[in-house]
Amino acid sequence: MKKILQTLGLVIAMAGVSGQALADGGHHGWEHPRHGGHGHRSGGNWVAPLIALGVAGAVWSAAARPAPTYVAPPVTYYPPQPAPSASYYCASSGQFYPYTSYCPEGWQLVQPAYR
């Protein structure tokens, strides 16, 4: 696709430049000097090539742009939290916390015995 756009841009540029040469009429050395102008304006032959080159430049620069790059954000890893070193004991039921979910008198914090 890039080669096609570059070729198209070159063809448009060449056509724009050659249009001015073809419209010139050719000078063979026998042209008579112009008197009075007869409503003809001189100097307007630069508009078409300028437009053609502007379009060709836009096409060419659009084809030359690199494709956008997506960079994924880094994945943040959090290690699992260590298990708590204390347990909760309920004296009325005689069980520890995950085995009983209710304790009427409140939980007692029990530290593990280190050996």
N, C-alpha and C. Protein backbone atom coordinates (compact mmCIF):
# COMPACT_ATOMS: atom_id res chain seq x y z
N MET A 1 0.83 -1.19 0.00
CA MET A 1 0.00 0.00 0.00
C MET A 1 0.87 1.25 0.00
N LYS A 2 2.00 1.20 0.70
CA LYS A 2 2.88 2.36 0.80
C LYS A 2 3.48 2.68 -0.57
N LYS A 3 3.88 1.65 -1.32
CA LYS A 3 4.45 1.86 -2.65
C LYS A 3 3.42 2.47 -3.59
N ILE A 4 2.17 2.03 -3.47
CA ILE A 4 1.11 2.55 -4.33
C ILE A 4 0.90 4.03 -4.06
N LEU A 5 0.87 4.41 -2.78
CA LEU A 5 0.67 5.82 -2.43
C LEU A 5 1.85 6.67 -2.87
N GLN A 6 3.06 6.15 -2.76
CA GLN A 6 4.23 6.91 -3.20
C GLN A 6 4.19 7.10 -4.72
N THR A 7 3.84 6.05 -5.44
CA THR A 7 3.74 6.15 -6.90
C THR A 7 2.65 7.13 -7.29
N LEU A 8 1.51 7.06 -6.62
CA LEU A 8 0.41 7.99 -6.90
C LEU A 8 0.84 9.42 -6.62
N GLY A 9 1.55 9.65 -5.55
CA GLY A 9 2.04 10.99 -5.24
C GLY A 9 3.01 11.50 -6.30
N LEU A 10 3.88 10.63 -6.79
CA LEU A 10 4.82 11.02 -7.84
C LEU A 10 4.10 11.35 -9.13
N VAL A 11 3.09 10.55 -9.49
CA VAL A 11 2.31 10.81 -10.71
C VAL A 11 1.57 12.14 -10.60
N ILE A 12 0.99 12.41 -9.44
CA ILE A 12 0.27 13.68 -9.25
C ILE A 12 1.24 14.85 -9.34
N ALA A 13 2.41 14.71 -8.75
CA ALA A 13 3.40 15.79 -8.81
C ALA A 13 3.87 16.03 -10.24
N MET A 14 4.12 14.96 -10.98
CA MET A 14 4.56 15.11 -12.37
C MET A 14 3.46 15.71 -13.23
N ALA A 15 2.22 15.31 -12.99
CA ALA A 15 1.11 15.88 -13.76
C ALA A 15 0.95 17.36 -13.46
N GLY A 16 1.12 17.74 -12.23
CA GLY A 16 1.01 19.16 -11.87
C GLY A 16 2.10 20.00 -12.49
N VAL A 17 3.30 19.49 -12.53
CA VAL A 17 4.41 20.24 -13.11
C VAL A 17 4.29 20.27 -14.63
N SER A 18 3.88 19.16 -15.24
CA SER A 18 3.78 19.13 -16.70
C SER A 18 2.62 19.97 -17.20
N GLY A 19 1.62 20.20 -16.39
CA GLY A 19 0.49 21.04 -16.81
C GLY A 19 0.93 22.44 -17.14
N GLN A 20 1.86 22.97 -16.40
CA GLN A 20 2.37 24.31 -16.66
C GLN A 20 3.17 24.32 -17.96
N ALA A 21 3.95 23.28 -18.21
CA ALA A 21 4.74 23.23 -19.43
C ALA A 21 3.84 23.09 -20.66
N LEU A 22 2.79 22.31 -20.56
CA LEU A 22 1.88 22.13 -21.69
C LEU A 22 1.06 23.40 -21.95
N ALA A 23 0.75 24.14 -20.93
CA ALA A 23 -0.05 25.35 -21.10
C ALA A 23 0.77 26.52 -21.61
N ASP A 24 2.07 26.38 -21.61
CA ASP A 24 2.93 27.48 -22.01
C ASP A 24 2.81 27.79 -23.50
N GLY A 25 2.54 26.83 -24.32
CA GLY A 25 2.37 27.07 -25.74
C GLY A 25 3.65 26.95 -26.53
N GLY A 26 4.76 26.90 -25.90
CA GLY A 26 6.03 26.74 -26.60
C GLY A 26 6.51 28.03 -27.24
N HIS A 27 7.75 28.34 -27.06
CA HIS A 27 8.34 29.53 -27.67
C HIS A 27 9.30 29.06 -28.75
N HIS A 28 9.06 29.53 -29.95
CA HIS A 28 9.91 29.12 -31.07
C HIS A 28 10.74 30.27 -31.58
N GLY A 29 10.82 31.33 -30.84
CA GLY A 29 11.66 32.44 -31.25
C GLY A 29 10.94 33.44 -32.14
N TRP A 30 9.76 33.17 -32.61
CA TRP A 30 9.06 34.09 -33.52
C TRP A 30 7.85 34.72 -32.88
N GLU A 31 7.70 34.55 -31.55
CA GLU A 31 6.52 35.08 -30.87
C GLU A 31 6.57 36.60 -30.87
N HIS A 32 5.44 37.19 -31.14
CA HIS A 32 5.33 38.63 -31.17
C HIS A 32 5.13 39.15 -29.76
N PRO A 33 5.66 40.29 -29.46
CA PRO A 33 5.42 40.86 -28.13
C PRO A 33 3.94 41.18 -27.94
N ARG A 34 3.48 41.01 -26.75
CA ARG A 34 2.06 41.24 -26.46
C ARG A 34 1.87 42.70 -26.07
N HIS A 35 0.86 43.27 -26.62
CA HIS A 35 0.56 44.66 -26.32
C HIS A 35 -0.84 44.75 -25.76
N GLY A 36 -0.99 45.40 -24.67
CA GLY A 36 -2.33 45.67 -24.14
C GLY A 36 -2.87 44.58 -23.25
N GLY A 37 -2.44 43.37 -23.33
CA GLY A 37 -2.87 42.29 -22.46
C GLY A 37 -4.17 41.64 -22.88
N HIS A 38 -5.11 42.35 -23.42
CA HIS A 38 -6.39 41.81 -23.89
C HIS A 38 -7.09 40.99 -22.82
N GLY A 39 -7.01 41.40 -21.57
CA GLY A 39 -7.73 40.72 -20.50
C GLY A 39 -7.03 39.49 -19.96
N HIS A 40 -5.90 39.13 -20.49
CA HIS A 40 -5.17 37.96 -20.00
C HIS A 40 -4.32 38.37 -18.80
N ARG A 41 -4.28 37.48 -17.84
CA ARG A 41 -3.46 37.74 -16.66
C ARG A 41 -2.26 36.82 -16.68
N SER A 42 -1.17 37.33 -16.30
CA SER A 42 0.06 36.55 -16.28
C SER A 42 0.41 36.23 -14.82
N GLY A 43 1.02 35.09 -14.59
CA GLY A 43 1.48 34.75 -13.26
C GLY A 43 0.55 33.82 -12.50
N GLY A 44 -0.54 33.38 -13.07
CA GLY A 44 -1.47 32.49 -12.38
C GLY A 44 -1.20 31.03 -12.63
N ASN A 45 -0.11 30.73 -13.31
CA ASN A 45 0.17 29.34 -13.66
C ASN A 45 0.76 28.54 -12.50
N TRP A 46 0.98 29.14 -11.38
CA TRP A 46 1.59 28.45 -10.25
C TRP A 46 0.55 27.80 -9.34
N VAL A 47 -0.73 28.09 -9.52
CA VAL A 47 -1.76 27.61 -8.59
C VAL A 47 -1.96 26.10 -8.71
N ALA A 48 -2.14 25.59 -9.93
CA ALA A 48 -2.40 24.16 -10.10
C ALA A 48 -1.23 23.29 -9.62
N PRO A 49 0.01 23.61 -10.00
CA PRO A 49 1.12 22.79 -9.47
C PRO A 49 1.24 22.87 -7.95
N LEU A 50 0.94 24.03 -7.39
CA LEU A 50 1.01 24.17 -5.94
C LEU A 50 -0.02 23.28 -5.25
N ILE A 51 -1.23 23.25 -5.78
CA ILE A 51 -2.27 22.38 -5.20
C ILE A 51 -1.89 20.92 -5.38
N ALA A 52 -1.41 20.57 -6.59
CA ALA A 52 -1.03 19.17 -6.85
C ALA A 52 0.10 18.73 -5.93
N LEU A 53 1.09 19.59 -5.75
CA LEU A 53 2.20 19.23 -4.87
C LEU A 53 1.76 19.17 -3.41
N GLY A 54 0.82 20.02 -3.02
CA GLY A 54 0.30 19.97 -1.65
C GLY A 54 -0.44 18.67 -1.38
N VAL A 55 -1.26 18.24 -2.34
CA VAL A 55 -1.98 16.97 -2.18
C VAL A 55 -1.00 15.81 -2.18
N ALA A 56 -0.02 15.85 -3.09
CA ALA A 56 0.97 14.77 -3.14
C ALA A 56 1.77 14.70 -1.85
N GLY A 57 2.13 15.86 -1.31
CA GLY A 57 2.88 15.86 -0.05
C GLY A 57 2.07 15.31 1.11
N ALA A 58 0.77 15.63 1.13
CA ALA A 58 -0.09 15.11 2.20
C ALA A 58 -0.22 13.60 2.09
N VAL A 59 -0.39 13.10 0.86
CA VAL A 59 -0.51 11.65 0.67
C VAL A 59 0.80 10.97 1.04
N TRP A 60 1.89 11.55 0.61
CA TRP A 60 3.20 10.94 0.86
C TRP A 60 3.53 10.93 2.35
N SER A 61 3.24 12.03 3.06
CA SER A 61 3.56 12.06 4.48
C SER A 61 2.64 11.16 5.28
N ALA A 62 1.38 10.99 4.84
CA ALA A 62 0.48 10.07 5.54
C ALA A 62 0.95 8.63 5.39
N ALA A 63 1.53 8.31 4.23
CA ALA A 63 2.02 6.95 4.01
C ALA A 63 3.31 6.70 4.78
N ALA A 64 4.05 7.74 5.10
CA ALA A 64 5.35 7.56 5.76
C ALA A 64 5.25 7.50 7.27
N ARG A 65 4.09 7.77 7.84
CA ARG A 65 3.96 7.74 9.30
C ARG A 65 4.01 6.30 9.82
N PRO A 66 4.71 6.08 10.91
CA PRO A 66 4.73 4.72 11.48
C PRO A 66 3.39 4.40 12.14
N ALA A 67 3.11 3.13 12.21
CA ALA A 67 1.87 2.68 12.86
C ALA A 67 1.95 2.96 14.36
N PRO A 68 0.83 3.28 14.99
CA PRO A 68 0.86 3.53 16.44
C PRO A 68 1.23 2.26 17.20
N THR A 69 1.94 2.44 18.28
CA THR A 69 2.40 1.32 19.09
C THR A 69 1.65 1.33 20.41
N TYR A 70 1.14 0.17 20.80
CA TYR A 70 0.45 0.04 22.08
C TYR A 70 1.37 -0.66 23.06
N VAL A 71 1.57 -0.05 24.19
CA VAL A 71 2.40 -0.64 25.24
C VAL A 71 1.48 -0.95 26.42
N ALA A 72 1.39 -2.22 26.78
CA ALA A 72 0.54 -2.63 27.89
C ALA A 72 1.17 -2.19 29.21
N PRO A 73 0.35 -1.76 30.15
CA PRO A 73 0.91 -1.38 31.44
C PRO A 73 1.47 -2.61 32.16
N PRO A 74 2.46 -2.42 33.00
CA PRO A 74 3.03 -3.58 33.70
C PRO A 74 2.02 -4.18 34.67
N VAL A 75 2.10 -5.48 34.81
CA VAL A 75 1.22 -6.20 35.72
C VAL A 75 1.82 -6.13 37.12
N THR A 76 1.05 -5.65 38.05
CA THR A 76 1.51 -5.54 39.43
C THR A 76 1.15 -6.82 40.18
N TYR A 77 2.14 -7.42 40.78
CA TYR A 77 1.93 -8.66 41.52
C TYR A 77 2.10 -8.39 43.01
N TYR A 78 1.11 -8.77 43.76
CA TYR A 78 1.17 -8.64 45.21
C TYR A 78 1.21 -10.05 45.80
N PRO A 79 2.25 -10.39 46.56
CA PRO A 79 2.30 -11.72 47.16
C PRO A 79 1.20 -11.86 48.21
N PRO A 80 0.74 -13.08 48.43
CA PRO A 80 -0.32 -13.27 49.43
C PRO A 80 0.18 -12.88 50.83
N GLN A 81 -0.72 -12.34 51.62
CA GLN A 81 -0.38 -11.93 52.97
C GLN A 81 -0.20 -13.17 53.85
N PRO A 82 0.77 -13.12 54.74
CA PRO A 82 0.96 -14.28 55.64
C PRO A 82 -0.25 -14.42 56.57
N ALA A 83 -0.48 -15.64 56.95
CA ALA A 83 -1.59 -15.92 57.86
C ALA A 83 -1.33 -15.24 59.20
N PRO A 84 -2.38 -14.76 59.84
CA PRO A 84 -2.17 -14.11 61.14
C PRO A 84 -1.59 -15.10 62.15
N SER A 85 -0.74 -14.58 63.02
CA SER A 85 -0.09 -15.46 63.99
C SER A 85 -0.92 -15.62 65.27
N ALA A 86 -2.03 -14.91 65.38
CA ALA A 86 -2.87 -15.02 66.58
C ALA A 86 -4.18 -15.71 66.22
N SER A 87 -4.80 -16.30 67.22
CA SER A 87 -6.10 -16.96 67.05
C SER A 87 -7.09 -16.33 68.03
N TYR A 88 -8.35 -16.52 67.75
CA TYR A 88 -9.40 -16.01 68.63
C TYR A 88 -10.15 -17.20 69.23
N TYR A 89 -10.30 -17.17 70.56
CA TYR A 89 -10.88 -18.29 71.30
C TYR A 89 -12.14 -17.82 72.01
N CYS A 90 -13.17 -18.68 71.98
CA CYS A 90 -14.41 -18.41 72.70
C CYS A 90 -14.49 -19.39 73.87
N ALA A 91 -14.48 -18.88 75.09
CA ALA A 91 -14.46 -19.73 76.28
C ALA A 91 -15.79 -20.46 76.47
N SER A 92 -16.94 -19.84 76.17
CA SER A 92 -18.23 -20.49 76.41
C SER A 92 -18.44 -21.69 75.48
N SER A 93 -17.98 -21.61 74.25
CA SER A 93 -18.16 -22.75 73.34
C SER A 93 -16.94 -23.65 73.33
N GLY A 94 -15.79 -23.15 73.80
CA GLY A 94 -14.57 -23.95 73.85
C GLY A 94 -13.97 -24.17 72.46
N GLN A 95 -14.24 -23.27 71.52
CA GLN A 95 -13.72 -23.43 70.16
C GLN A 95 -13.03 -22.14 69.70
N PHE A 96 -12.21 -22.32 68.66
CA PHE A 96 -11.52 -21.18 68.06
C PHE A 96 -12.38 -20.59 66.94
N TYR A 97 -11.95 -19.40 66.44
CA TYR A 97 -12.79 -18.60 65.56
C TYR A 97 -13.35 -19.28 64.32
N PRO A 98 -12.64 -19.81 63.40
CA PRO A 98 -13.41 -20.19 62.21
C PRO A 98 -14.38 -21.34 62.46
N TYR A 99 -14.21 -22.05 63.59
CA TYR A 99 -15.09 -23.20 63.84
C TYR A 99 -16.39 -22.80 64.50
N THR A 100 -16.43 -21.65 65.11
CA THR A 100 -17.67 -21.09 65.64
C THR A 100 -17.69 -19.62 65.25
N SER A 101 -18.84 -19.14 64.82
CA SER A 101 -18.89 -17.77 64.32
C SER A 101 -19.49 -16.79 65.33
N TYR A 102 -19.96 -17.30 66.49
CA TYR A 102 -20.59 -16.42 67.46
C TYR A 102 -20.03 -16.71 68.84
N CYS A 103 -19.73 -15.66 69.58
CA CYS A 103 -19.24 -15.81 70.95
C CYS A 103 -19.94 -14.75 71.79
N PRO A 104 -20.85 -15.16 72.71
CA PRO A 104 -21.65 -14.18 73.45
C PRO A 104 -20.82 -13.30 74.39
N GLU A 105 -19.74 -13.80 74.96
CA GLU A 105 -18.99 -12.98 75.92
C GLU A 105 -17.82 -12.26 75.27
N GLY A 106 -17.57 -12.47 73.99
CA GLY A 106 -16.47 -11.80 73.30
C GLY A 106 -15.30 -12.73 73.07
N TRP A 107 -14.53 -12.44 72.09
CA TRP A 107 -13.39 -13.28 71.72
C TRP A 107 -12.17 -12.94 72.55
N GLN A 108 -11.39 -13.98 72.84
CA GLN A 108 -10.13 -13.79 73.55
C GLN A 108 -8.99 -14.00 72.54
N LEU A 109 -8.06 -13.07 72.52
CA LEU A 109 -6.92 -13.17 71.63
C LEU A 109 -5.90 -14.12 72.24
N VAL A 110 -5.52 -15.15 71.49
CA VAL A 110 -4.58 -16.16 71.97
C VAL A 110 -3.35 -16.12 71.06
N GLN A 111 -2.18 -15.86 71.66
CA GLN A 111 -0.94 -15.86 70.90
C GLN A 111 -0.42 -17.28 70.79
N PRO A 112 0.17 -17.65 69.65
CA PRO A 112 0.69 -19.02 69.53
C PRO A 112 1.91 -19.22 70.43
N ALA A 113 2.06 -20.43 70.89
CA ALA A 113 3.21 -20.76 71.73
C ALA A 113 4.37 -21.14 70.81
N TYR A 114 5.47 -20.40 70.90
CA TYR A 114 6.64 -20.69 70.07
C TYR A 114 7.50 -21.71 70.79
N ARG A 115 8.02 -22.63 70.04
CA ARG A 115 8.85 -23.67 70.65
C ARG A 115 10.28 -23.50 70.31
